[in-house]
Amino acid sequence: MTPQQISYIVFGIVIILALVFDLGLLSKKNAVVTIKKALTQTIFWVVLALGFGIFVWFEDGPKHAVEYLSAYLMEWSLSIDNIFVFILIFTFFGIKEKFYGRLLLIGILLAILLRVIFISVGIVLIERFTWVLWIFGAILLWTGIKMFTTKHDEEPDLSNNRVYKFLQRVFPLTHEDGNGSFVVYQDGKKYYTILFVAVIMLATTDILFALDSIPAVFAITQERLIVYTSNIFAVLGLRSLFFLLKGAVNKFAYLQQGIAIVLVFIGLKMLAEIFHLKIPSYISLLVIVLCIGLSIVYSAAVAKKDTDPDMEQKDLH
């Protein structure tokens, strides 16, 4: 058995046991998740992901471990952007908070399945056509510049969302939540509830974000194990991160700019390979940590200043 096969087996066992622990001990059906429980679950998934990184270090060497950590941090930071949209979806459809946990879990598991398919297709394309990486690099460069300059002062209108309109055309929908069910029967007719719509919206939203994040991971490494595991660990931790941050999304106003700079750097790193210039993995890790960390610190400082009455009085004088 090869070291990579051992790593896949260990990863599979860890994920299965972690999901059983997360669902069995830390989660209850239709229960409201407290900040304390969300923090416990977030720490659990982060420690688990970092622990797997240590395993990669000993099993496959420091180079792969640094690539894994870079890819995980990249995916983890990009996943925070998902949270803003998830909150918007739940608010738009008027979903009760007690249903959040189950909907997020199902939506995230669907998203993981779709991501695995996309990653597999991406790996095949890269192996057959190396110039695909340059296209990915150009996409990331353009996305980063657009993200840095775009302001999100106005929330998007989900009533015009293409996925929502498609579901309205294809499925008979009702605005009821069915007391937690995805399907209800009215006058002998079958209708799909807003919970069903919300799950599909959650999964497809994550896929839209994956169009940026997956190419970004390919820019860091093309090692299959690292691409798969970093994505899955980041997405699985998204549910607990949602409950931890849902009341503080306004405190991350400048995180978008930090992520944008990382995407620009990753895109340039990809395009640099056209000229046979390779940037070491530890440089990528350093840029990711600095950009994300500084953007979070700056966002928190600005948010604190905006809410501090003493600072407001000083500004007036």
Protein backbone atom coordinates (compact mmCIF):
# COMPACT_ATOMS: atom_id res chain seq x y z
CA MET A 1 0.00 0.00 0.00
CA THR A 2 1.40 3.40 -1.05
CA PRO A 3 1.72 6.37 1.35
CA GLN A 4 -0.95 8.23 -0.63
CA GLN A 5 -3.40 5.32 -0.30
CA ILE A 6 -2.74 5.28 3.44
CA SER A 7 -3.43 9.02 3.58
CA TYR A 8 -6.75 8.57 1.74
CA ILE A 9 -7.80 5.79 4.13
CA VAL A 10 -6.85 7.85 7.20
CA PHE A 11 -8.70 10.87 5.79
CA GLY A 12 -11.84 8.78 5.13
CA ILE A 13 -11.82 7.29 8.63
CA VAL A 14 -11.26 10.71 10.23
CA ILE A 15 -14.12 12.30 8.28
CA ILE A 16 -16.59 9.49 9.09
CA LEU A 17 -15.73 9.51 12.80
CA ALA A 18 -15.80 13.32 12.89
CA LEU A 19 -19.23 13.48 11.27
CA VAL A 20 -20.58 10.88 13.71
CA PHE A 21 -19.15 12.87 16.63
CA ASP A 22 -20.38 16.20 15.26
CA LEU A 23 -23.89 14.94 14.54
CA GLY A 24 -24.25 12.62 17.52
CA LEU A 25 -22.69 14.62 20.34
CA LEU A 26 -22.65 18.24 19.22
CA SER A 27 -25.87 18.50 17.20
CA LYS A 28 -29.53 17.81 17.82
CA LYS A 29 -32.29 17.92 15.24
CA ASN A 30 -34.08 21.29 15.02
CA ALA A 31 -32.11 22.65 17.98
CA VAL A 32 -30.88 26.25 18.08
CA VAL A 33 -27.06 26.29 18.10
CA THR A 34 -25.62 28.55 20.79
CA ILE A 35 -22.43 30.62 20.38
CA LYS A 36 -20.69 28.33 22.89
CA LYS A 37 -21.60 25.20 20.95
CA ALA A 38 -20.67 26.86 17.64
CA LEU A 39 -17.27 27.80 19.07
CA THR A 40 -16.74 24.22 20.27
CA GLN A 41 -17.62 22.82 16.85
CA THR A 42 -15.46 25.37 15.03
CA ILE A 43 -12.44 24.57 17.21
CA PHE A 44 -13.16 20.86 16.69
CA TRP A 45 -13.07 21.13 12.87
CA VAL A 46 -10.07 23.48 12.77
CA VAL A 47 -8.02 21.29 15.12
CA LEU A 48 -9.00 18.23 13.09
CA ALA A 49 -7.93 19.91 9.84
CA LEU A 50 -4.62 21.06 11.34
CA GLY A 51 -4.09 17.61 12.83
CA PHE A 52 -4.46 16.07 9.38
CA GLY A 53 -1.87 18.60 8.17
CA ILE A 54 0.56 17.26 10.78
CA PHE A 55 -0.18 13.73 9.52
CA VAL A 56 0.59 14.88 5.94
CA TRP A 57 3.88 16.36 7.20
CA PHE A 58 5.05 13.02 8.62
CA GLU A 59 3.57 10.89 5.83
CA ASP A 60 4.35 12.96 2.71
CA GLY A 61 6.92 15.53 3.83
CA PRO A 62 6.98 19.24 4.74
CA LYS A 63 6.43 20.47 1.16
CA HIS A 64 3.04 18.77 0.88
CA ALA A 65 2.16 19.81 4.43
CA VAL A 66 2.80 23.49 3.63
CA GLU A 67 0.75 23.15 0.43
CA TYR A 68 -2.09 21.54 2.39
CA LEU A 69 -2.08 24.28 5.03
CA SER A 70 -2.00 27.00 2.33
CA ALA A 71 -4.88 25.37 0.45
CA TYR A 72 -6.92 24.89 3.63
CA LEU A 73 -6.47 28.50 4.76
CA MET A 74 -7.35 29.70 1.26
CA GLU A 75 -10.56 27.64 1.24
CA TRP A 76 -11.40 28.52 4.85
CA SER A 77 -11.12 32.26 4.25
CA LEU A 78 -13.11 32.07 1.02
CA SER A 79 -15.81 30.07 2.82
CA ILE A 80 -16.45 33.04 5.14
CA ASP A 81 -17.84 34.84 2.09
CA ASN A 82 -20.41 32.02 1.81
CA ILE A 83 -21.74 32.89 5.26
CA PHE A 84 -22.88 36.33 4.14
CA VAL A 85 -24.96 34.75 1.38
CA PHE A 86 -26.29 31.96 3.63
CA ILE A 87 -27.63 34.58 6.06
CA LEU A 88 -29.27 36.39 3.14
CA ILE A 89 -30.95 33.15 1.97
CA PHE A 90 -32.35 32.31 5.41
CA THR A 91 -33.58 35.88 5.90
CA PHE A 92 -35.20 36.11 2.46
CA PHE A 93 -37.18 32.89 2.90
CA GLY A 94 -37.98 33.57 6.56
CA ILE A 95 -36.44 30.29 7.74
CA LYS A 96 -36.79 29.63 11.47
CA GLU A 97 -33.47 29.43 13.31
CA LYS A 98 -34.21 25.95 14.63
CA PHE A 99 -33.97 24.62 11.05
CA TYR A 100 -30.64 26.29 10.23
CA GLY A 101 -28.39 23.45 11.37
CA ARG A 102 -30.09 20.67 9.39
CA LEU A 103 -30.41 22.76 6.22
CA LEU A 104 -26.76 23.79 6.38
CA LEU A 105 -25.65 20.19 6.90
CA ILE A 106 -27.62 18.86 3.91
CA GLY A 107 -26.64 21.81 1.72
CA ILE A 108 -22.97 21.43 2.63
CA LEU A 109 -22.94 17.66 2.00
CA LEU A 110 -24.51 18.27 -1.44
CA ALA A 111 -21.91 20.97 -2.08
CA ILE A 112 -19.08 18.57 -1.16
CA LEU A 113 -20.41 15.98 -3.62
CA LEU A 114 -20.55 18.60 -6.40
CA ARG A 115 -17.11 19.94 -5.49
CA VAL A 116 -15.57 16.47 -5.70
CA ILE A 117 -17.00 16.17 -9.23
CA PHE A 118 -15.67 19.61 -10.23
CA ILE A 119 -12.24 18.92 -8.73
CA SER A 120 -12.03 15.56 -10.53
CA VAL A 121 -12.90 17.22 -13.84
CA GLY A 122 -10.37 19.97 -13.16
CA ILE A 123 -7.60 17.46 -12.42
CA VAL A 124 -8.29 15.58 -15.66
CA LEU A 125 -8.24 18.84 -17.66
CA ILE A 126 -4.96 19.97 -16.09
CA GLU A 127 -3.31 16.60 -16.70
CA ARG A 128 -4.31 16.65 -20.38
CA PHE A 129 -4.04 20.38 -21.09
CA THR A 130 -1.49 22.21 -18.92
CA TRP A 131 -2.50 25.56 -20.46
CA VAL A 132 -5.77 25.28 -18.51
CA LEU A 133 -3.79 26.48 -15.48
CA TRP A 134 -3.05 29.74 -17.30
CA ILE A 135 -6.78 30.22 -17.92
CA PHE A 136 -7.41 29.58 -14.21
CA GLY A 137 -4.73 32.15 -13.39
CA ALA A 138 -6.32 34.78 -15.63
CA ILE A 139 -9.75 34.07 -14.07
CA LEU A 140 -8.36 34.47 -10.55
CA LEU A 141 -6.56 37.69 -11.48
CA TRP A 142 -9.73 39.17 -12.96
CA THR A 143 -11.87 37.94 -10.04
CA GLY A 144 -9.47 39.39 -7.47
CA ILE A 145 -9.39 42.82 -9.11
CA LYS A 146 -13.18 42.85 -9.47
CA MET A 147 -13.68 41.72 -5.86
CA PHE A 148 -11.31 44.41 -4.54
CA THR A 149 -13.10 47.23 -6.35
CA THR A 150 -16.71 46.05 -5.96
CA LYS A 151 -18.79 47.42 -3.11
CA HIS A 152 -21.58 45.35 -1.55
CA ASP A 153 -23.61 48.14 0.00
CA GLU A 154 -26.85 46.79 -1.50
CA GLU A 155 -28.01 43.23 -0.87
CA PRO A 156 -28.91 41.24 -4.00
CA ASP A 157 -32.58 40.52 -4.69
CA LEU A 158 -32.99 36.75 -4.42
CA SER A 159 -36.41 36.90 -6.08
CA ASN A 160 -34.50 37.38 -9.36
CA ASN A 161 -32.03 34.57 -8.64
CA ARG A 162 -31.79 32.17 -11.61
CA VAL A 163 -31.80 29.04 -9.44
CA TYR A 164 -34.87 30.24 -7.54
CA LYS A 165 -36.69 31.06 -10.78
CA PHE A 166 -35.76 27.62 -12.17
CA LEU A 167 -37.16 25.90 -9.07
CA GLN A 168 -40.36 27.91 -9.37
CA ARG A 169 -40.81 26.73 -12.96
CA VAL A 170 -39.98 23.07 -12.35
CA PHE A 171 -41.40 22.34 -8.89
CA PRO A 172 -44.75 23.16 -7.26
CA LEU A 173 -43.62 25.31 -4.33
CA THR A 174 -45.28 26.52 -1.15
CA HIS A 175 -44.07 29.25 1.20
CA GLU A 176 -44.71 27.01 4.23
CA ASP A 177 -41.86 25.29 6.10
CA GLY A 178 -43.82 22.07 6.62
CA ASN A 179 -42.65 22.02 10.26
CA GLY A 180 -39.25 20.80 9.10
CA SER A 181 -40.36 18.74 6.08
CA PHE A 182 -39.22 19.28 2.51
CA VAL A 183 -42.55 18.10 1.08
CA VAL A 184 -46.17 18.75 2.14
CA TYR A 185 -49.51 17.68 0.68
CA GLN A 186 -52.32 20.16 0.20
CA ASP A 187 -55.67 19.01 -1.21
CA GLY A 188 -54.02 15.80 -2.36
CA LYS A 189 -51.28 17.66 -4.26
CA LYS A 190 -47.57 17.48 -3.53
CA TYR A 191 -45.72 20.74 -2.81
CA TYR A 192 -42.07 21.47 -1.99
CA THR A 193 -41.49 23.73 1.01
CA ILE A 194 -39.18 26.72 1.42
CA LEU A 195 -36.78 24.41 3.29
CA PHE A 196 -36.29 22.40 0.10
CA VAL A 197 -35.68 25.62 -1.85
CA ALA A 198 -33.22 26.89 0.78
CA VAL A 199 -31.15 23.66 0.66
CA ILE A 200 -30.83 23.84 -3.13
CA MET A 201 -29.91 27.53 -2.91
CA LEU A 202 -27.25 26.77 -0.28
CA ALA A 203 -25.65 24.02 -2.38
CA THR A 204 -25.66 26.00 -5.64
CA THR A 205 -24.33 29.12 -3.88
CA ASP A 206 -21.35 27.14 -2.63
CA ILE A 207 -20.72 25.89 -6.16
CA LEU A 208 -20.57 29.48 -7.43
CA PHE A 209 -17.94 30.24 -4.79
CA ALA A 210 -16.12 27.04 -5.75
CA LEU A 211 -15.56 28.45 -9.25
CA ASP A 212 -13.05 30.80 -7.60
CA SER A 213 -11.76 28.66 -4.76
CA ILE A 214 -11.01 25.45 -6.68
CA PRO A 215 -8.79 27.18 -9.30
CA ALA A 216 -7.07 28.95 -6.38
CA VAL A 217 -6.20 25.59 -4.82
CA PHE A 218 -4.90 24.30 -8.16
CA ALA A 219 -2.57 27.32 -8.21
CA ILE A 220 -1.14 26.20 -4.87
CA THR A 221 -0.86 22.50 -5.71
CA GLN A 222 -2.05 19.89 -8.20
CA GLU A 223 -1.63 17.08 -5.68
CA ARG A 224 -5.00 15.30 -5.67
CA LEU A 225 -4.98 14.38 -1.99
CA ILE A 226 -4.31 17.98 -0.91
CA VAL A 227 -6.89 19.49 -3.25
CA TYR A 228 -9.63 17.10 -2.09
CA THR A 229 -8.85 17.13 1.63
CA SER A 230 -8.34 20.90 1.99
CA ASN A 231 -11.66 21.57 0.24
CA ILE A 232 -13.63 19.02 2.24
CA PHE A 233 -12.22 20.09 5.62
CA ALA A 234 -12.93 23.76 4.90
CA VAL A 235 -16.50 23.13 3.73
CA LEU A 236 -17.34 20.76 6.60
CA GLY A 237 -16.31 23.44 9.08
CA LEU A 238 -18.55 25.99 7.38
CA ARG A 239 -21.69 25.05 9.35
CA SER A 240 -20.23 25.75 12.79
CA LEU A 241 -18.48 28.84 11.43
CA PHE A 242 -21.85 30.14 10.24
CA PHE A 243 -23.35 30.00 13.74
CA LEU A 244 -20.21 31.55 15.21
CA LEU A 245 -20.12 34.52 12.82
CA LYS A 246 -23.77 35.10 11.85
CA GLY A 247 -24.17 37.84 14.42
CA ALA A 248 -20.89 39.54 13.55
CA VAL A 249 -20.78 39.62 9.75
CA ASN A 250 -20.53 43.41 9.80
CA LYS A 251 -17.20 43.12 11.65
CA PHE A 252 -15.51 41.64 8.57
CA ALA A 253 -16.12 44.52 6.18
CA TYR A 254 -12.58 44.49 4.75
CA LEU A 255 -12.07 40.73 4.59
CA GLN A 256 -13.20 40.88 0.96
CA GLN A 257 -10.22 43.09 0.11
CA GLY A 258 -7.83 40.72 1.87
CA ILE A 259 -9.21 37.75 -0.07
CA ALA A 260 -9.06 39.78 -3.29
CA ILE A 261 -5.33 40.49 -2.83
CA VAL A 262 -4.72 36.78 -2.23
CA LEU A 263 -6.61 35.87 -5.41
CA VAL A 264 -4.59 38.40 -7.41
CA PHE A 265 -1.36 36.98 -5.99
CA ILE A 266 -2.43 33.39 -6.70
CA GLY A 267 -3.48 34.35 -10.24
CA LEU A 268 -0.11 36.04 -10.90
CA LYS A 269 1.65 32.99 -9.42
CA MET A 270 -0.17 30.79 -11.92
CA LEU A 271 0.58 33.08 -14.88
CA ALA A 272 4.26 33.35 -13.84
CA GLU A 273 4.67 29.67 -14.68
CA ILE A 274 4.30 30.61 -18.36
CA PHE A 275 7.79 32.14 -17.99
CA HIS A 276 8.99 29.15 -15.92
CA LEU A 277 8.97 31.20 -12.72
CA LYS A 278 7.90 29.18 -9.68
CA ILE A 279 7.06 30.77 -6.34
CA PRO A 280 7.81 28.51 -3.34
CA SER A 281 4.88 27.11 -1.36
CA TYR A 282 5.92 28.83 1.87
CA ILE A 283 5.69 32.24 0.13
CA SER A 284 2.09 31.48 -0.83
CA LEU A 285 1.33 30.45 2.76
CA LEU A 286 2.91 33.65 4.11
CA VAL A 287 0.92 35.87 1.72
CA ILE A 288 -2.36 34.10 2.57
CA VAL A 289 -1.80 34.37 6.35
CA LEU A 290 -0.73 38.03 6.20
CA CYS A 291 -3.51 39.21 3.87
CA ILE A 292 -6.33 37.39 5.63
CA GLY A 293 -5.02 38.10 9.12
CA LEU A 294 -4.42 41.82 8.52
CA SER A 295 -7.79 42.28 6.80
CA ILE A 296 -9.59 40.68 9.77
CA VAL A 297 -7.64 42.79 12.30
CA TYR A 298 -8.29 45.98 10.31
CA SER A 299 -11.99 45.12 9.92
CA ALA A 300 -12.33 44.53 13.66
CA ALA A 301 -10.54 47.82 14.45
CA VAL A 302 -12.80 49.82 12.11
CA ALA A 303 -15.93 48.10 13.48
CA LYS A 304 -14.85 48.88 17.05
CA LYS A 305 -14.21 52.52 16.17
CA ASP A 306 -17.63 52.84 14.52
CA THR A 307 -19.40 51.46 17.59
CA ASP A 308 -17.32 53.28 20.22
CA PRO A 309 -19.29 56.34 21.47
CA ASP A 310 -16.14 57.93 22.96
CA MET A 311 -14.42 57.80 19.57
CA GLU A 312 -17.48 59.35 17.92
CA GLN A 313 -17.43 62.23 20.42
CA LYS A 314 -13.73 62.83 19.77
CA ASP A 315 -14.39 62.92 16.03
CA LEU A 316 -17.13 65.52 16.56
CA HIS A 317 -14.74 67.77 18.52
